[in-house]
Amino acid sequence: MTNLLSSIRKHKGLYLVNVVVGIFFLLPFLWIISTSLKTPSNIAQYPPKWIPDQVTFANYKEIFMTDNGIFVSFFTQIVLH
């Protein structure tokens, strides 16, 4: 147990750097999710907000359910070719 604590104390700077870098790389994905839940008028809002006032899943519905959605186009290309 003391070896584990000693190892953690010895490498705490490295752990801190890893956490900071991990957060740095995670932020764009969180921003994408946040933006996907916004209404079109809130996407271009200034100053931008991380958490939208009005959460909507209409963007996901458009991708998966409409004829011009990305998912339908992708699925059609896979089936036809």
PDB file of N, CA and C in Angstrom:
ATOM      1  N   MET A   1       0.815  -1.187   0.000  1.00  0.00           N
ATOM      2  CA  MET A   1       0.000   0.000   0.000  1.00  0.00           C
ATOM      3  C   MET A   1       0.864   1.258   0.000  1.00  0.00           C
ATOM      4  N   THR A   2       1.947   1.223   0.761  1.00  0.00           N
ATOM      5  CA  THR A   2       2.815   2.401   0.802  1.00  0.00           C
ATOM      6  C   THR A   2       3.523   2.598  -0.525  1.00  0.00           C
ATOM      7  N   ASN A   3       3.799   1.506  -1.248  1.00  0.00           N
ATOM      8  CA  ASN A   3       4.417   1.637  -2.565  1.00  0.00           C
ATOM      9  C   ASN A   3       3.480   2.340  -3.544  1.00  0.00           C
ATOM     10  N   LEU A   4       2.192   2.024  -3.441  1.00  0.00           N
ATOM     11  CA  LEU A   4       1.206   2.663  -4.310  1.00  0.00           C
ATOM     12  C   LEU A   4       1.113   4.158  -4.015  1.00  0.00           C
ATOM     13  N   LEU A   5       1.032   4.509  -2.745  1.00  0.00           N
ATOM     14  CA  LEU A   5       0.961   5.928  -2.375  1.00  0.00           C
ATOM     15  C   LEU A   5       2.239   6.660  -2.761  1.00  0.00           C
ATOM     16  N   SER A   6       3.355   6.010  -2.580  1.00  0.00           N
ATOM     17  CA  SER A   6       4.638   6.606  -2.961  1.00  0.00           C
ATOM     18  C   SER A   6       4.692   6.841  -4.463  1.00  0.00           C
ATOM     19  N   SER A   7       4.189   5.869  -5.228  1.00  0.00           N
ATOM     20  CA  SER A   7       4.182   5.995  -6.686  1.00  0.00           C
ATOM     21  C   SER A   7       3.271   7.141  -7.133  1.00  0.00           C
ATOM     22  N   ILE A   8       2.124   7.265  -6.478  1.00  0.00           N
ATOM     23  CA  ILE A   8       1.183   8.341  -6.829  1.00  0.00           C
ATOM     24  C   ILE A   8       1.807   9.703  -6.516  1.00  0.00           C
ATOM     25  N   ARG A   9       2.419   9.822  -5.368  1.00  0.00           N
ATOM     26  CA  ARG A   9       3.067  11.091  -5.002  1.00  0.00           C
ATOM     27  C   ARG A   9       4.202  11.432  -5.958  1.00  0.00           C
ATOM     28  N   LYS A  10       4.904  10.420  -6.365  1.00  0.00           N
ATOM     29  CA  LYS A  10       6.059  10.613  -7.251  1.00  0.00           C
ATOM     30  C   LYS A  10       5.632  11.095  -8.633  1.00  0.00           C
ATOM     31  N   HIS A  11       4.478  10.620  -9.094  1.00  0.00           N
ATOM     32  CA  HIS A  11       4.033  10.916 -10.457  1.00  0.00           C
ATOM     33  C   HIS A  11       2.834  11.859 -10.518  1.00  0.00           C
ATOM     34  N   LYS A  12       2.544  12.586  -9.438  1.00  0.00           N
ATOM     35  CA  LYS A  12       1.347  13.425  -9.438  1.00  0.00           C
ATOM     36  C   LYS A  12       1.398  14.530 -10.490  1.00  0.00           C
ATOM     37  N   GLY A  13       2.559  15.039 -10.808  1.00  0.00           N
ATOM     38  CA  GLY A  13       2.677  16.041 -11.869  1.00  0.00           C
ATOM     39  C   GLY A  13       2.299  15.461 -13.224  1.00  0.00           C
ATOM     40  N   LEU A  14       2.747  14.227 -13.465  1.00  0.00           N
ATOM     41  CA  LEU A  14       2.414  13.545 -14.719  1.00  0.00           C
ATOM     42  C   LEU A  14       0.913  13.281 -14.809  1.00  0.00           C
ATOM     43  N   TYR A  15       0.298  12.883 -13.697  1.00  0.00           N
ATOM     44  CA  TYR A  15      -1.140  12.650 -13.673  1.00  0.00           C
ATOM     45  C   TYR A  15      -1.907  13.943 -13.941  1.00  0.00           C
ATOM     46  N   LEU A  16      -1.448  15.023 -13.380  1.00  0.00           N
ATOM     47  CA  LEU A  16      -2.096  16.312 -13.587  1.00  0.00           C
ATOM     48  C   LEU A  16      -2.029  16.727 -15.061  1.00  0.00           C
ATOM     49  N   VAL A  17      -0.871  16.539 -15.671  1.00  0.00           N
ATOM     50  CA  VAL A  17      -0.715  16.851 -17.097  1.00  0.00           C
ATOM     51  C   VAL A  17      -1.648  15.970 -17.926  1.00  0.00           C
ATOM     52  N   ASN A  18      -1.747  14.702 -17.586  1.00  0.00           N
ATOM     53  CA  ASN A  18      -2.634  13.791 -18.324  1.00  0.00           C
ATOM     54  C   ASN A  18      -4.092  14.212 -18.205  1.00  0.00           C
ATOM     55  N   VAL A  19      -4.504  14.647 -17.030  1.00  0.00           N
ATOM     56  CA  VAL A  19      -5.882  15.093 -16.832  1.00  0.00           C
ATOM     57  C   VAL A  19      -6.147  16.357 -17.648  1.00  0.00           C
ATOM     58  N   VAL A  20      -5.239  17.302 -17.627  1.00  0.00           N
ATOM     59  CA  VAL A  20      -5.414  18.552 -18.382  1.00  0.00           C
ATOM     60  C   VAL A  20      -5.479  18.265 -19.881  1.00  0.00           C
ATOM     61  N   VAL A  21      -4.590  17.422 -20.378  1.00  0.00           N
ATOM     62  CA  VAL A  21      -4.596  17.071 -21.804  1.00  0.00           C
ATOM     63  C   VAL A  21      -5.870  16.320 -22.153  1.00  0.00           C
ATOM     64  N   GLY A  22      -6.317  15.425 -21.277  1.00  0.00           N
ATOM     65  CA  GLY A  22      -7.561  14.689 -21.516  1.00  0.00           C
ATOM     66  C   GLY A  22      -8.757  15.616 -21.617  1.00  0.00           C
ATOM     67  N   ILE A  23      -8.838  16.592 -20.730  1.00  0.00           N
ATOM     68  CA  ILE A  23      -9.929  17.573 -20.786  1.00  0.00           C
ATOM     69  C   ILE A  23      -9.835  18.401 -22.068  1.00  0.00           C
ATOM     70  N   PHE A  24      -8.631  18.771 -22.452  1.00  0.00           N
ATOM     71  CA  PHE A  24      -8.417  19.549 -23.669  1.00  0.00           C
ATOM     72  C   PHE A  24      -8.944  18.800 -24.900  1.00  0.00           C
ATOM     73  N   PHE A  25      -8.713  17.490 -24.966  1.00  0.00           N
ATOM     74  CA  PHE A  25      -9.179  16.702 -26.104  1.00  0.00           C
ATOM     75  C   PHE A  25     -10.653  16.333 -25.998  1.00  0.00           C
ATOM     76  N   LEU A  26     -11.227  16.354 -24.800  1.00  0.00           N
ATOM     77  CA  LEU A  26     -12.626  16.013 -24.608  1.00  0.00           C
ATOM     78  C   LEU A  26     -13.556  17.189 -24.906  1.00  0.00           C
ATOM     79  N   LEU A  27     -13.093  18.406 -24.735  1.00  0.00           N
ATOM     80  CA  LEU A  27     -13.932  19.587 -24.922  1.00  0.00           C
ATOM     81  C   LEU A  27     -14.582  19.695 -26.309  1.00  0.00           C
ATOM     82  N   PRO A  28     -13.879  19.441 -27.406  1.00  0.00           N
ATOM     83  CA  PRO A  28     -14.548  19.527 -28.713  1.00  0.00           C
ATOM     84  C   PRO A  28     -15.721  18.554 -28.862  1.00  0.00           C
ATOM     85  N   PHE A  29     -15.589  17.354 -28.310  1.00  0.00           N
ATOM     86  CA  PHE A  29     -16.687  16.390 -28.384  1.00  0.00           C
ATOM     87  C   PHE A  29     -17.879  16.849 -27.558  1.00  0.00           C
ATOM     88  N   LEU A  30     -17.627  17.431 -26.394  1.00  0.00           N
ATOM     89  CA  LEU A  30     -18.713  17.972 -25.585  1.00  0.00           C
ATOM     90  C   LEU A  30     -19.387  19.145 -26.292  1.00  0.00           C
ATOM     91  N   TRP A  31     -18.590  19.962 -26.989  1.00  0.00           N
ATOM     92  CA  TRP A  31     -19.146  21.089 -27.740  1.00  0.00           C
ATOM     93  C   TRP A  31     -20.028  20.589 -28.891  1.00  0.00           C
ATOM     94  N   ILE A  32     -19.619  19.522 -29.557  1.00  0.00           N
ATOM     95  CA  ILE A  32     -20.418  18.944 -30.644  1.00  0.00           C
ATOM     96  C   ILE A  32     -21.756  18.450 -30.111  1.00  0.00           C
ATOM     97  N   ILE A  33     -21.732  17.752 -28.992  1.00  0.00           N
ATOM     98  CA  ILE A  33     -22.978  17.257 -28.396  1.00  0.00           C
ATOM     99  C   ILE A  33     -23.862  18.429 -27.980  1.00  0.00           C
ATOM    100  N   SER A  34     -23.280  19.437 -27.364  1.00  0.00           N
ATOM    101  CA  SER A  34     -24.037  20.610 -26.950  1.00  0.00           C
ATOM    102  C   SER A  34     -24.672  21.306 -28.153  1.00  0.00           C
ATOM    103  N   THR A  35     -23.915  21.472 -29.206  1.00  0.00           N
ATOM    104  CA  THR A  35     -24.422  22.139 -30.408  1.00  0.00           C
ATOM    105  C   THR A  35     -25.511  21.316 -31.081  1.00  0.00           C
ATOM    106  N   SER A  36     -25.390  20.006 -31.053  1.00  0.00           N
ATOM    107  CA  SER A  36     -26.396  19.160 -31.702  1.00  0.00           C
ATOM    108  C   SER A  36     -27.736  19.225 -30.985  1.00  0.00           C
ATOM    109  N   LEU A  37     -27.761  19.646 -29.753  1.00  0.00           N
ATOM    110  CA  LEU A  37     -29.003  19.733 -28.996  1.00  0.00           C
ATOM    111  C   LEU A  37     -29.614  21.132 -29.022  1.00  0.00           C
ATOM    112  N   LYS A  38     -29.022  22.051 -29.763  1.00  0.00           N
ATOM    113  CA  LYS A  38     -29.517  23.427 -29.837  1.00  0.00           C
ATOM    114  C   LYS A  38     -30.445  23.601 -31.032  1.00  0.00           C
ATOM    115  N   THR A  39     -31.291  24.618 -30.928  1.00  0.00           N
ATOM    116  CA  THR A  39     -32.112  25.006 -32.068  1.00  0.00           C
ATOM    117  C   THR A  39     -31.236  25.776 -33.052  1.00  0.00           C
ATOM    118  N   PRO A  40     -31.622  25.852 -34.324  1.00  0.00           N
ATOM    119  CA  PRO A  40     -30.794  26.576 -35.296  1.00  0.00           C
ATOM    120  C   PRO A  40     -30.508  28.028 -34.907  1.00  0.00           C
ATOM    121  N   SER A  41     -31.437  28.682 -34.265  1.00  0.00           N
ATOM    122  CA  SER A  41     -31.191  30.077 -33.873  1.00  0.00           C
ATOM    123  C   SER A  41     -30.203  30.175 -32.716  1.00  0.00           C
ATOM    124  N   ASN A  42     -30.112  29.155 -31.900  1.00  0.00           N
ATOM    125  CA  ASN A  42     -29.181  29.178 -30.768  1.00  0.00           C
ATOM    126  C   ASN A  42     -27.765  28.760 -31.153  1.00  0.00           C
ATOM    127  N   ILE A  43     -27.600  28.141 -32.292  1.00  0.00           N
ATOM    128  CA  ILE A  43     -26.272  27.676 -32.698  1.00  0.00           C
ATOM    129  C   ILE A  43     -25.338  28.856 -32.936  1.00  0.00           C
ATOM    130  N   ALA A  44     -25.857  29.900 -33.582  1.00  0.00           N
ATOM    131  CA  ALA A  44     -25.029  31.065 -33.906  1.00  0.00           C
ATOM    132  C   ALA A  44     -25.113  32.151 -32.847  1.00  0.00           C
ATOM    133  N   GLN A  45     -25.627  31.834 -31.691  1.00  0.00           N
ATOM    134  CA  GLN A  45     -25.800  32.817 -30.620  1.00  0.00           C
ATOM    135  C   GLN A  45     -24.450  33.306 -30.096  1.00  0.00           C
ATOM    136  N   TYR A  46     -24.379  34.604 -29.829  1.00  0.00           N
ATOM    137  CA  TYR A  46     -23.158  35.169 -29.255  1.00  0.00           C
ATOM    138  C   TYR A  46     -23.517  35.897 -27.977  1.00  0.00           C
ATOM    139  N   PRO A  47     -22.867  35.663 -26.908  1.00  0.00           N
ATOM    140  CA  PRO A  47     -21.806  34.695 -26.664  1.00  0.00           C
ATOM    141  C   PRO A  47     -22.368  33.274 -26.621  1.00  0.00           C
ATOM    142  N   PRO A  48     -21.589  32.320 -27.048  1.00  0.00           N
ATOM    143  CA  PRO A  48     -22.083  30.936 -27.083  1.00  0.00           C
ATOM    144  C   PRO A  48     -22.316  30.382 -25.679  1.00  0.00           C
ATOM    145  N   LYS A  49     -23.254  29.468 -25.582  1.00  0.00           N
ATOM    146  CA  LYS A  49     -23.572  28.815 -24.309  1.00  0.00           C
ATOM    147  C   LYS A  49     -23.286  27.323 -24.425  1.00  0.00           C
ATOM    148  N   TRP A  50     -22.707  26.763 -23.384  1.00  0.00           N
ATOM    149  CA  TRP A  50     -22.431  25.329 -23.368  1.00  0.00           C
ATOM    150  C   TRP A  50     -23.711  24.527 -23.222  1.00  0.00           C
ATOM    151  N   ILE A  51     -24.600  24.996 -22.355  1.00  0.00           N
ATOM    152  CA  ILE A  51     -25.864  24.292 -22.109  1.00  0.00           C
ATOM    153  C   ILE A  51     -26.982  25.119 -22.743  1.00  0.00           C
ATOM    154  N   PRO A  52     -27.674  24.545 -23.732  1.00  0.00           N
ATOM    155  CA  PRO A  52     -28.714  25.322 -24.415  1.00  0.00           C
ATOM    156  C   PRO A  52     -29.902  25.607 -23.509  1.00  0.00           C
ATOM    157  N   ASP A  53     -30.561  26.754 -23.767  1.00  0.00           N
ATOM    158  CA  ASP A  53     -31.761  27.110 -23.012  1.00  0.00           C
ATOM    159  C   ASP A  53     -32.897  26.146 -23.322  1.00  0.00           C
ATOM    160  N   GLN A  54     -33.002  25.805 -24.599  1.00  0.00           N
ATOM    161  CA  GLN A  54     -34.058  24.908 -25.048  1.00  0.00           C
ATOM    162  C   GLN A  54     -33.408  23.711 -25.734  1.00  0.00           C
ATOM    163  N   VAL A  55     -33.508  22.551 -25.125  1.00  0.00           N
ATOM    164  CA  VAL A  55     -32.921  21.335 -25.694  1.00  0.00           C
ATOM    165  C   VAL A  55     -33.897  20.750 -26.697  1.00  0.00           C
ATOM    166  N   THR A  56     -33.389  20.396 -27.880  1.00  0.00           N
ATOM    167  CA  THR A  56     -34.229  19.807 -28.915  1.00  0.00           C
ATOM    168  C   THR A  56     -33.496  18.636 -29.561  1.00  0.00           C
ATOM    169  N   PHE A  57     -34.259  17.619 -29.906  1.00  0.00           N
ATOM    170  CA  PHE A  57     -33.706  16.460 -30.600  1.00  0.00           C
ATOM    171  C   PHE A  57     -34.107  16.470 -32.075  1.00  0.00           C
ATOM    172  N   ALA A  58     -34.596  17.610 -32.563  1.00  0.00           N
ATOM    173  CA  ALA A  58     -35.036  17.723 -33.956  1.00  0.00           C
ATOM    174  C   ALA A  58     -33.874  17.496 -34.927  1.00  0.00           C
ATOM    175  N   ASN A  59     -32.671  17.876 -34.549  1.00  0.00           N
ATOM    176  CA  ASN A  59     -31.517  17.666 -35.429  1.00  0.00           C
ATOM    177  C   ASN A  59     -31.262  16.179 -35.647  1.00  0.00           C
ATOM    178  N   TYR A  60     -31.418  15.391 -34.598  1.00  0.00           N
ATOM    179  CA  TYR A  60     -31.234  13.948 -34.737  1.00  0.00           C
ATOM    180  C   TYR A  60     -32.368  13.334 -35.553  1.00  0.00           C
ATOM    181  N   LYS A  61     -33.567  13.845 -35.357  1.00  0.00           N
ATOM    182  CA  LYS A  61     -34.713  13.358 -36.136  1.00  0.00           C
ATOM    183  C   LYS A  61     -34.485  13.634 -37.622  1.00  0.00           C
ATOM    184  N   GLU A  62     -33.949  14.807 -37.938  1.00  0.00           N
ATOM    185  CA  GLU A  62     -33.694  15.160 -39.336  1.00  0.00           C
ATOM    186  C   GLU A  62     -32.643  14.250 -39.967  1.00  0.00           C
ATOM    187  N   ILE A  63     -31.624  13.912 -39.212  1.00  0.00           N
ATOM    188  CA  ILE A  63     -30.562  13.050 -39.745  1.00  0.00           C
ATOM    189  C   ILE A  63     -31.073  11.643 -40.023  1.00  0.00           C
ATOM    190  N   PHE A  64     -31.858  11.099 -39.103  1.00  0.00           N
ATOM    191  CA  PHE A  64     -32.252   9.697 -39.204  1.00  0.00           C
ATOM    192  C   PHE A  64     -33.573   9.468 -39.916  1.00  0.00           C
ATOM    193  N   MET A  65     -34.461  10.452 -39.976  1.00  0.00           N
ATOM    194  CA  MET A  65     -35.807  10.207 -40.479  1.00  0.00           C
ATOM    195  C   MET A  65     -36.132  10.848 -41.827  1.00  0.00           C
ATOM    196  N   THR A  66     -35.483  11.935 -42.190  1.00  0.00           N
ATOM    197  CA  THR A  66     -35.857  12.601 -43.435  1.00  0.00           C
ATOM    198  C   THR A  66     -35.155  11.967 -44.633  1.00  0.00           C
ATOM    199  N   ASP A  67     -35.730  12.176 -45.803  1.00  0.00           N
ATOM    200  CA  ASP A  67     -35.167  11.590 -47.025  1.00  0.00           C
ATOM    201  C   ASP A  67     -33.817  12.174 -47.390  1.00  0.00           C
ATOM    202  N   ASN A  68     -33.546  13.417 -47.025  1.00  0.00           N
ATOM    203  CA  ASN A  68     -32.263  14.025 -47.341  1.00  0.00           C
ATOM    204  C   ASN A  68     -31.292  13.966 -46.164  1.00  0.00           C
ATOM    205  N   GLY A  69     -31.617  13.166 -45.167  1.00  0.00           N
ATOM    206  CA  GLY A  69     -30.737  13.028 -44.008  1.00  0.00           C
ATOM    207  C   GLY A  69     -29.491  12.231 -44.350  1.00  0.00           C
ATOM    208  N   ILE A  70     -28.447  12.444 -43.605  1.00  0.00           N
ATOM    209  CA  ILE A  70     -27.168  11.774 -43.847  1.00  0.00           C
ATOM    210  C   ILE A  70     -27.294  10.274 -43.678  1.00  0.00           C
ATOM    211  N   PHE A  71     -28.006   9.838 -42.653  1.00  0.00           N
ATOM    212  CA  PHE A  71     -28.121   8.407 -42.393  1.00  0.00           C
ATOM    213  C   PHE A  71     -28.848   7.700 -43.523  1.00  0.00           C
ATOM    214  N   VAL A  72     -29.940   8.292 -44.007  1.00  0.00           N
ATOM    215  CA  VAL A  72     -30.706   7.675 -45.095  1.00  0.00           C
ATOM    216  C   VAL A  72     -29.865   7.615 -46.365  1.00  0.00           C
ATOM    217  N   SER A  73     -29.133   8.683 -46.672  1.00  0.00           N
ATOM    218  CA  SER A  73     -28.269   8.678 -47.854  1.00  0.00           C
ATOM    219  C   SER A  73     -27.176   7.626 -47.739  1.00  0.00           C
ATOM    220  N   PHE A  74     -26.567   7.516 -46.581  1.00  0.00           N
ATOM    221  CA  PHE A  74     -25.523   6.522 -46.358  1.00  0.00           C
ATOM    222  C   PHE A  74     -26.081   5.117 -46.481  1.00  0.00           C
ATOM    223  N   PHE A  75     -27.217   4.865 -45.843  1.00  0.00           N
ATOM    224  CA  PHE A  75     -27.828   3.541 -45.890  1.00  0.00           C
ATOM    225  C   PHE A  75     -28.233   3.181 -47.315  1.00  0.00           C
ATOM    226  N   THR A  76     -28.774   4.135 -48.074  1.00  0.00           N
ATOM    227  CA  THR A  76     -29.157   3.893 -49.461  1.00  0.00           C
ATOM    228  C   THR A  76     -27.943   3.531 -50.308  1.00  0.00           C
ATOM    229  N   GLN A  77     -26.837   4.220 -50.117  1.00  0.00           N
ATOM    230  CA  GLN A  77     -25.626   3.917 -50.874  1.00  0.00           C
ATOM    231  C   GLN A  77     -25.081   2.527 -50.541  1.00  0.00           C
ATOM    232  N   ILE A  78     -25.154   2.132 -49.306  1.00  0.00           N
ATOM    233  CA  ILE A  78     -24.680   0.813 -48.911  1.00  0.00           C
ATOM    234  C   ILE A  78     -25.550  -0.278 -49.518  1.00  0.00           C
ATOM    235  N   VAL A  79     -26.857  -0.108 -49.481  1.00  0.00           N
ATOM    236  CA  VAL A  79     -27.767  -1.133 -49.987  1.00  0.00           C
ATOM    237  C   VAL A  79     -27.720  -1.230 -51.498  1.00  0.00           C
ATOM    238  N   LEU A  80     -27.627  -0.104 -52.179  1.00  0.00           N
ATOM    239  CA  LEU A  80     -27.654  -0.114 -53.645  1.00  0.00           C
ATOM    240  C   LEU A  80     -26.336  -0.537 -54.268  1.00  0.00           C
ATOM    241  N   HIS A  81     -25.252  -0.425 -53.549  1.00  0.00           N
ATOM    242  CA  HIS A  81     -23.961  -0.791 -54.138  1.00  0.00           C
ATOM    243  C   HIS A  81     -23.467  -1.978 -53.454  1.00  0.00           C
TER     244      HIS A  81
END
